[in-house]
Amino acid sequence: VFASHSEENVAPNENVMGGVVGLRVSGTGADT
């Protein structure tokens, strides 16, 4: 999953604006 935004980042980078991230999803059900 590739996602981006233009607002404040979550901690510990809350003073930095914007970001793009690459994620990997795995597992199923409650173990996803």
PDB file of all heavy atoms in Angstrom:
ATOM      1  N   VAL A   1       0.861  -1.176   0.000  1.00  0.00           N
ATOM      2  CA  VAL A   1       0.000   0.000   0.000  1.00  0.00           C
ATOM      3  C   VAL A   1       0.902   1.232   0.000  1.00  0.00           C
ATOM      4  O   VAL A   1       1.807   1.345   0.830  1.00  0.00           O
ATOM      5  CB  VAL A   1      -0.920   0.022   1.241  1.00  0.00           C
ATOM      6  CG1 VAL A   1      -1.806   1.267   1.225  1.00  0.00           C
ATOM      7  CG2 VAL A   1      -1.762  -1.241   1.316  1.00  0.00           C
ATOM      8  N   PHE A   2       0.635   2.146  -0.938  1.00  0.00           N
ATOM      9  CA  PHE A   2       1.399   3.384  -1.029  1.00  0.00           C
ATOM     10  C   PHE A   2       0.449   4.545  -0.766  1.00  0.00           C
ATOM     11  O   PHE A   2      -0.597   4.665  -1.415  1.00  0.00           O
ATOM     12  CB  PHE A   2       2.049   3.519  -2.405  1.00  0.00           C
ATOM     13  CG  PHE A   2       2.913   2.348  -2.776  1.00  0.00           C
ATOM     14  CD1 PHE A   2       2.423   1.349  -3.617  1.00  0.00           C
ATOM     15  CD2 PHE A   2       4.192   2.207  -2.270  1.00  0.00           C
ATOM     16  CE1 PHE A   2       3.200   0.258  -3.964  1.00  0.00           C
ATOM     17  CE2 PHE A   2       4.976   1.117  -2.604  1.00  0.00           C
ATOM     18  CZ  PHE A   2       4.484   0.132  -3.454  1.00  0.00           C
ATOM     19  N   ALA A   3       0.819   5.409   0.183  1.00  0.00           N
ATOM     20  CA  ALA A   3      -0.080   6.493   0.582  1.00  0.00           C
ATOM     21  C   ALA A   3       0.724   7.751   0.856  1.00  0.00           C
ATOM     22  O   ALA A   3       1.896   7.698   1.242  1.00  0.00           O
ATOM     23  CB  ALA A   3      -0.877   6.093   1.824  1.00  0.00           C
ATOM     24  N   SER A   4       0.053   8.900   0.687  1.00  0.00           N
ATOM     25  CA  SER A   4       0.725  10.177   0.908  1.00  0.00           C
ATOM     26  C   SER A   4      -0.244  11.163   1.539  1.00  0.00           C
ATOM     27  O   SER A   4      -1.461  10.961   1.546  1.00  0.00           O
ATOM     28  CB  SER A   4       1.274  10.739  -0.410  1.00  0.00           C
ATOM     29  OG  SER A   4       0.216  11.049  -1.301  1.00  0.00           O
ATOM     30  N   HIS A   5       0.313  12.275   2.052  1.00  0.00           N
ATOM     31  CA  HIS A   5      -0.510  13.331   2.646  1.00  0.00           C
ATOM     32  C   HIS A   5       0.293  14.624   2.645  1.00  0.00           C
ATOM     33  O   HIS A   5       1.490  14.643   2.319  1.00  0.00           O
ATOM     34  CB  HIS A   5      -0.938  12.954   4.069  1.00  0.00           C
ATOM     35  CG  HIS A   5       0.157  13.064   5.081  1.00  0.00           C
ATOM     36  ND1 HIS A   5       0.222  14.084   5.997  1.00  0.00           N
ATOM     37  CD2 HIS A   5       1.256  12.299   5.312  1.00  0.00           C
ATOM     38  CE1 HIS A   5       1.293  13.947   6.754  1.00  0.00           C
ATOM     39  NE2 HIS A   5       1.938  12.857   6.366  1.00  0.00           N
ATOM     40  N   SER A   6      -0.387  15.729   3.040  1.00  0.00           N
ATOM     41  CA  SER A   6       0.259  17.043   2.985  1.00  0.00           C
ATOM     42  C   SER A   6       0.150  17.807   4.294  1.00  0.00           C
ATOM     43  O   SER A   6       0.433  19.010   4.335  1.00  0.00           O
ATOM     44  CB  SER A   6      -0.367  17.881   1.865  1.00  0.00           C
ATOM     45  OG  SER A   6      -1.763  18.016   2.072  1.00  0.00           O
ATOM     46  N   GLU A   7      -0.248  17.140   5.381  1.00  0.00           N
ATOM     47  CA  GLU A   7      -0.469  17.815   6.655  1.00  0.00           C
ATOM     48  C   GLU A   7       0.635  17.454   7.650  1.00  0.00           C
ATOM     49  O   GLU A   7       1.669  16.900   7.283  1.00  0.00           O
ATOM     50  CB  GLU A   7      -1.849  17.436   7.187  1.00  0.00           C
ATOM     51  CG  GLU A   7      -2.987  17.670   6.214  1.00  0.00           C
ATOM     52  CD  GLU A   7      -3.193  19.137   5.869  1.00  0.00           C
ATOM     53  OE1 GLU A   7      -2.792  20.000   6.681  1.00  0.00           O
ATOM     54  OE2 GLU A   7      -3.760  19.431   4.806  1.00  0.00           O
ATOM     55  N   GLU A   8       0.378  17.762   8.943  1.00  0.00           N
ATOM     56  CA  GLU A   8       1.350  17.424   9.969  1.00  0.00           C
ATOM     57  C   GLU A   8       1.452  15.910  10.111  1.00  0.00           C
ATOM     58  O   GLU A   8       0.450  15.199  10.063  1.00  0.00           O
ATOM     59  CB  GLU A   8       0.959  18.039  11.310  1.00  0.00           C
ATOM     60  CG  GLU A   8       0.895  19.552  11.317  1.00  0.00           C
ATOM     61  CD  GLU A   8      -0.513  20.068  11.077  1.00  0.00           C
ATOM     62  OE1 GLU A   8      -1.324  19.313  10.472  1.00  0.00           O
ATOM     63  OE2 GLU A   8      -0.806  21.199  11.479  1.00  0.00           O
ATOM     64  N   ASN A   9       2.667  15.431  10.309  1.00  0.00           N
ATOM     65  CA  ASN A   9       2.872  14.013  10.536  1.00  0.00           C
ATOM     66  C   ASN A   9       2.566  13.656  11.987  1.00  0.00           C
ATOM     67  O   ASN A   9       2.517  14.513  12.871  1.00  0.00           O
ATOM     68  CB  ASN A   9       4.319  13.632  10.205  1.00  0.00           C
ATOM     69  CG  ASN A   9       4.552  13.513   8.711  1.00  0.00           C
ATOM     70  OD1 ASN A   9       4.216  12.511   8.096  1.00  0.00           O
ATOM     71  ND2 ASN A   9       5.120  14.561   8.115  1.00  0.00           N
ATOM     72  N   VAL A  10       2.368  12.379  12.221  1.00  0.00           N
ATOM     73  CA  VAL A  10       2.194  11.901  13.587  1.00  0.00           C
ATOM     74  C   VAL A  10       3.543  11.892  14.284  1.00  0.00           C
ATOM     75  O   VAL A  10       4.602  11.975  13.650  1.00  0.00           O
ATOM     76  CB  VAL A  10       1.557  10.495  13.594  1.00  0.00           C
ATOM     77  CG1 VAL A  10       0.161  10.528  12.998  1.00  0.00           C
ATOM     78  CG2 VAL A  10       2.423   9.496  12.815  1.00  0.00           C
ATOM     79  N   ALA A  11       3.494  11.799  15.617  1.00  0.00           N
ATOM     80  CA  ALA A  11       4.718  11.780  16.413  1.00  0.00           C
ATOM     81  C   ALA A  11       5.609  10.607  15.981  1.00  0.00           C
ATOM     82  O   ALA A  11       5.093   9.548  15.598  1.00  0.00           O
ATOM     83  CB  ALA A  11       4.361  11.667  17.890  1.00  0.00           C
ATOM     84  N   PRO A  12       6.918  10.794  15.979  1.00  0.00           N
ATOM     85  CA  PRO A  12       7.662  11.946  16.512  1.00  0.00           C
ATOM     86  C   PRO A  12       7.981  13.022  15.470  1.00  0.00           C
ATOM     87  O   PRO A  12       8.871  13.850  15.709  1.00  0.00           O
ATOM     88  CB  PRO A  12       8.952  11.288  17.007  1.00  0.00           C
ATOM     89  CG  PRO A  12       9.188  10.195  16.009  1.00  0.00           C
ATOM     90  CD  PRO A  12       7.824   9.673  15.621  1.00  0.00           C
ATOM     91  N   ASN A  13       7.279  13.033  14.369  1.00  0.00           N
ATOM     92  CA  ASN A  13       7.593  13.972  13.287  1.00  0.00           C
ATOM     93  C   ASN A  13       6.480  14.992  13.095  1.00  0.00           C
ATOM     94  O   ASN A  13       6.228  15.458  11.992  1.00  0.00           O
ATOM     95  CB  ASN A  13       7.819  13.199  11.982  1.00  0.00           C
ATOM     96  CG  ASN A  13       8.937  12.188  12.090  1.00  0.00           C
ATOM     97  OD1 ASN A  13      10.077  12.536  12.355  1.00  0.00           O
ATOM     98  ND2 ASN A  13       8.601  10.912  11.909  1.00  0.00           N
ATOM     99  N   GLU A  14       5.788  15.369  14.193  1.00  0.00           N
ATOM    100  CA  GLU A  14       4.624  16.229  14.075  1.00  0.00           C
ATOM    101  C   GLU A  14       4.946  17.644  13.600  1.00  0.00           C
ATOM    102  O   GLU A  14       4.044  18.393  13.216  1.00  0.00           O
ATOM    103  CB  GLU A  14       3.866  16.285  15.403  1.00  0.00           C
ATOM    104  CG  GLU A  14       4.681  16.811  16.564  1.00  0.00           C
ATOM    105  CD  GLU A  14       5.339  15.713  17.381  1.00  0.00           C
ATOM    106  OE1 GLU A  14       5.750  14.691  16.783  1.00  0.00           O
ATOM    107  OE2 GLU A  14       5.426  15.865  18.603  1.00  0.00           O
ATOM    108  N   ASN A  15       6.209  18.043  13.633  1.00  0.00           N
ATOM    109  CA  ASN A  15       6.593  19.377  13.158  1.00  0.00           C
ATOM    110  C   ASN A  15       7.014  19.374  11.696  1.00  0.00           C
ATOM    111  O   ASN A  15       7.453  20.401  11.173  1.00  0.00           O
ATOM    112  CB  ASN A  15       7.728  19.933  14.018  1.00  0.00           C
ATOM    113  CG  ASN A  15       7.297  20.158  15.456  1.00  0.00           C
ATOM    114  OD1 ASN A  15       6.178  20.602  15.702  1.00  0.00           O
ATOM    115  ND2 ASN A  15       8.170  19.841  16.393  1.00  0.00           N
ATOM    116  N   VAL A  16       6.867  18.232  11.040  1.00  0.00           N
ATOM    117  CA  VAL A  16       7.235  18.094   9.629  1.00  0.00           C
ATOM    118  C   VAL A  16       5.960  17.928   8.816  1.00  0.00           C
ATOM    119  O   VAL A  16       5.070  17.155   9.180  1.00  0.00           O
ATOM    120  CB  VAL A  16       8.166  16.885   9.421  1.00  0.00           C
ATOM    121  CG1 VAL A  16       8.511  16.719   7.944  1.00  0.00           C
ATOM    122  CG2 VAL A  16       9.434  17.043  10.250  1.00  0.00           C
ATOM    123  N   MET A  17       5.860  18.653   7.716  1.00  0.00           N
ATOM    124  CA  MET A  17       4.675  18.596   6.869  1.00  0.00           C
ATOM    125  C   MET A  17       4.852  17.588   5.744  1.00  0.00           C
ATOM    126  O   MET A  17       5.877  17.575   5.058  1.00  0.00           O
ATOM    127  CB  MET A  17       4.387  19.960   6.259  1.00  0.00           C
ATOM    128  CG  MET A  17       4.088  21.044   7.273  1.00  0.00           C
ATOM    129  SD  MET A  17       2.532  20.782   8.142  1.00  0.00           S
ATOM    130  CE  MET A  17       1.379  21.111   6.803  1.00  0.00           C
ATOM    131  N   GLY A  18       3.835  16.746   5.532  1.00  0.00           N
ATOM    132  CA  GLY A  18       3.771  15.874   4.373  1.00  0.00           C
ATOM    133  C   GLY A  18       4.611  14.621   4.481  1.00  0.00           C
ATOM    134  O   GLY A  18       5.549  14.513   5.283  1.00  0.00           O
ATOM    135  N   GLY A  19       4.258  13.640   3.668  1.00  0.00           N
ATOM    136  CA  GLY A  19       5.024  12.408   3.636  1.00  0.00           C
ATOM    137  C   GLY A  19       4.391  11.400   2.698  1.00  0.00           C
ATOM    138  O   GLY A  19       3.216  11.502   2.335  1.00  0.00           O
ATOM    139  N   VAL A  20       5.198  10.426   2.298  1.00  0.00           N
ATOM    140  CA  VAL A  20       4.725   9.306   1.494  1.00  0.00           C
ATOM    141  C   VAL A  20       5.277   8.043   2.131  1.00  0.00           C
ATOM    142  O   VAL A  20       6.401   8.028   2.641  1.00  0.00           O
ATOM    143  CB  VAL A  20       5.158   9.442   0.015  1.00  0.00           C
ATOM    144  CG1 VAL A  20       6.671   9.555  -0.119  1.00  0.00           C
ATOM    145  CG2 VAL A  20       4.627   8.289  -0.818  1.00  0.00           C
ATOM    146  N   VAL A  21       4.481   6.989   2.128  1.00  0.00           N
ATOM    147  CA  VAL A  21       4.857   5.787   2.842  1.00  0.00           C
ATOM    148  C   VAL A  21       4.556   4.568   1.991  1.00  0.00           C
ATOM    149  O   VAL A  21       3.602   4.548   1.197  1.00  0.00           O
ATOM    150  CB  VAL A  21       4.113   5.710   4.198  1.00  0.00           C
ATOM    151  CG1 VAL A  21       2.615   5.549   3.986  1.00  0.00           C
ATOM    152  CG2 VAL A  21       4.648   4.607   5.079  1.00  0.00           C
ATOM    153  N   GLY A  22       5.378   3.546   2.140  1.00  0.00           N
ATOM    154  CA  GLY A  22       5.121   2.231   1.575  1.00  0.00           C
ATOM    155  C   GLY A  22       4.845   1.256   2.698  1.00  0.00           C
ATOM    156  O   GLY A  22       5.606   1.184   3.669  1.00  0.00           O
ATOM    157  N   LEU A  23       3.742   0.514   2.609  1.00  0.00           N
ATOM    158  CA  LEU A  23       3.332  -0.423   3.637  1.00  0.00           C
ATOM    159  C   LEU A  23       3.202  -1.818   3.052  1.00  0.00           C
ATOM    160  O   LEU A  23       2.955  -1.984   1.860  1.00  0.00           O
ATOM    161  CB  LEU A  23       1.976  -0.007   4.239  1.00  0.00           C
ATOM    162  CG  LEU A  23       1.821   1.436   4.718  1.00  0.00           C
ATOM    163  CD1 LEU A  23       0.370   1.710   5.091  1.00  0.00           C
ATOM    164  CD2 LEU A  23       2.740   1.712   5.898  1.00  0.00           C
ATOM    165  N   ARG A  24       3.323  -2.816   3.905  1.00  0.00           N
ATOM    166  CA  ARG A  24       3.037  -4.195   3.498  1.00  0.00           C
ATOM    167  C   ARG A  24       1.999  -4.770   4.457  1.00  0.00           C
ATOM    168  O   ARG A  24       2.132  -4.658   5.678  1.00  0.00           O
ATOM    169  CB  ARG A  24       4.297  -5.053   3.485  1.00  0.00           C
ATOM    170  CG  ARG A  24       4.019  -6.518   3.196  1.00  0.00           C
ATOM    171  CD  ARG A  24       5.263  -7.281   2.758  1.00  0.00           C
ATOM    172  NE  ARG A  24       5.545  -7.066   1.333  1.00  0.00           N
ATOM    173  CZ  ARG A  24       6.693  -6.611   0.847  1.00  0.00           C
ATOM    174  NH1 ARG A  24       7.680  -6.309   1.677  1.00  0.00           N
ATOM    175  NH2 ARG A  24       6.873  -6.450  -0.450  1.00  0.00           N
ATOM    176  N   VAL A  25       0.954  -5.377   3.887  1.00  0.00           N
ATOM    177  CA  VAL A  25      -0.124  -5.978   4.668  1.00  0.00           C
ATOM    178  C   VAL A  25       0.015  -7.488   4.593  1.00  0.00           C
ATOM    179  O   VAL A  25       0.286  -8.053   3.514  1.00  0.00           O
ATOM    180  CB  VAL A  25      -1.496  -5.528   4.139  1.00  0.00           C
ATOM    181  CG1 VAL A  25      -2.623  -6.169   4.941  1.00  0.00           C
ATOM    182  CG2 VAL A  25      -1.608  -4.000   4.181  1.00  0.00           C
ATOM    183  N   SER A  26      -0.202  -8.153   5.717  1.00  0.00           N
ATOM    184  CA  SER A  26      -0.102  -9.613   5.757  1.00  0.00           C
ATOM    185  C   SER A  26      -1.060 -10.169   6.794  1.00  0.00           C
ATOM    186  O   SER A  26      -1.589  -9.444   7.637  1.00  0.00           O
ATOM    187  CB  SER A  26       1.339 -10.041   6.082  1.00  0.00           C
ATOM    188  OG  SER A  26       1.723  -9.547   7.362  1.00  0.00           O
ATOM    189  N   GLY A  27      -1.281 -11.477   6.722  1.00  0.00           N
ATOM    190  CA  GLY A  27      -2.137 -12.142   7.690  1.00  0.00           C
ATOM    191  C   GLY A  27      -3.603 -12.038   7.324  1.00  0.00           C
ATOM    192  O   GLY A  27      -3.992 -11.381   6.358  1.00  0.00           O
ATOM    193  N   THR A  28      -4.431 -12.693   8.139  1.00  0.00           N
ATOM    194  CA  THR A  28      -5.873 -12.708   7.902  1.00  0.00           C
ATOM    195  C   THR A  28      -6.614 -12.586   9.217  1.00  0.00           C
ATOM    196  O   THR A  28      -6.063 -12.847  10.295  1.00  0.00           O
ATOM    197  CB  THR A  28      -6.310 -14.015   7.207  1.00  0.00           C
ATOM    198  OG1 THR A  28      -5.965 -15.133   8.045  1.00  0.00           O
ATOM    199  CG2 THR A  28      -5.650 -14.169   5.853  1.00  0.00           C
ATOM    200  N   GLY A  29      -7.894 -12.187   9.113  1.00  0.00           N
ATOM    201  CA  GLY A  29      -8.749 -12.104  10.281  1.00  0.00           C
ATOM    202  C   GLY A  29      -8.143 -11.238  11.369  1.00  0.00           C
ATOM    203  O   GLY A  29      -7.574 -10.172  11.111  1.00  0.00           O
ATOM    204  N   ALA A  30      -8.250 -11.697  12.612  1.00  0.00           N
ATOM    205  CA  ALA A  30      -7.709 -10.951  13.745  1.00  0.00           C
ATOM    206  C   ALA A  30      -6.196 -10.848  13.698  1.00  0.00           C
ATOM    207  O   ALA A  30      -5.603 -10.024  14.413  1.00  0.00           O
ATOM    208  CB  ALA A  30      -8.156 -11.607  15.052  1.00  0.00           C
ATOM    209  N   ASP A  31      -5.543 -11.655  12.877  1.00  0.00           N
ATOM    210  CA  ASP A  31      -4.081 -11.642  12.777  1.00  0.00           C
ATOM    211  C   ASP A  31      -3.583 -10.806  11.601  1.00  0.00           C
ATOM    212  O   ASP A  31      -2.392 -10.830  11.286  1.00  0.00           O
ATOM    213  CB  ASP A  31      -3.554 -13.074  12.636  1.00  0.00           C
ATOM    214  CG  ASP A  31      -3.856 -13.922  13.864  1.00  0.00           C
ATOM    215  OD1 ASP A  31      -3.785 -13.375  14.985  1.00  0.00           O
ATOM    216  OD2 ASP A  31      -4.179 -15.108  13.705  1.00  0.00           O
ATOM    217  N   THR A  32      -4.472 -10.066  10.943  1.00  0.00           N
ATOM    218  CA  THR A  32      -4.038  -9.192   9.864  1.00  0.00           C
ATOM    219  C   THR A  32      -3.209  -8.052  10.444  1.00  0.00           C
ATOM    220  O   THR A  32      -3.567  -7.461  11.459  1.00  0.00           O
ATOM    221  CB  THR A  32      -5.248  -8.607   9.114  1.00  0.00           C
ATOM    222  OG1 THR A  32      -6.126  -9.662   8.745  1.00  0.00           O
ATOM    223  CG2 THR A  32      -4.807  -7.863   7.871  1.00  0.00           C
TER     224      THR A  32
END
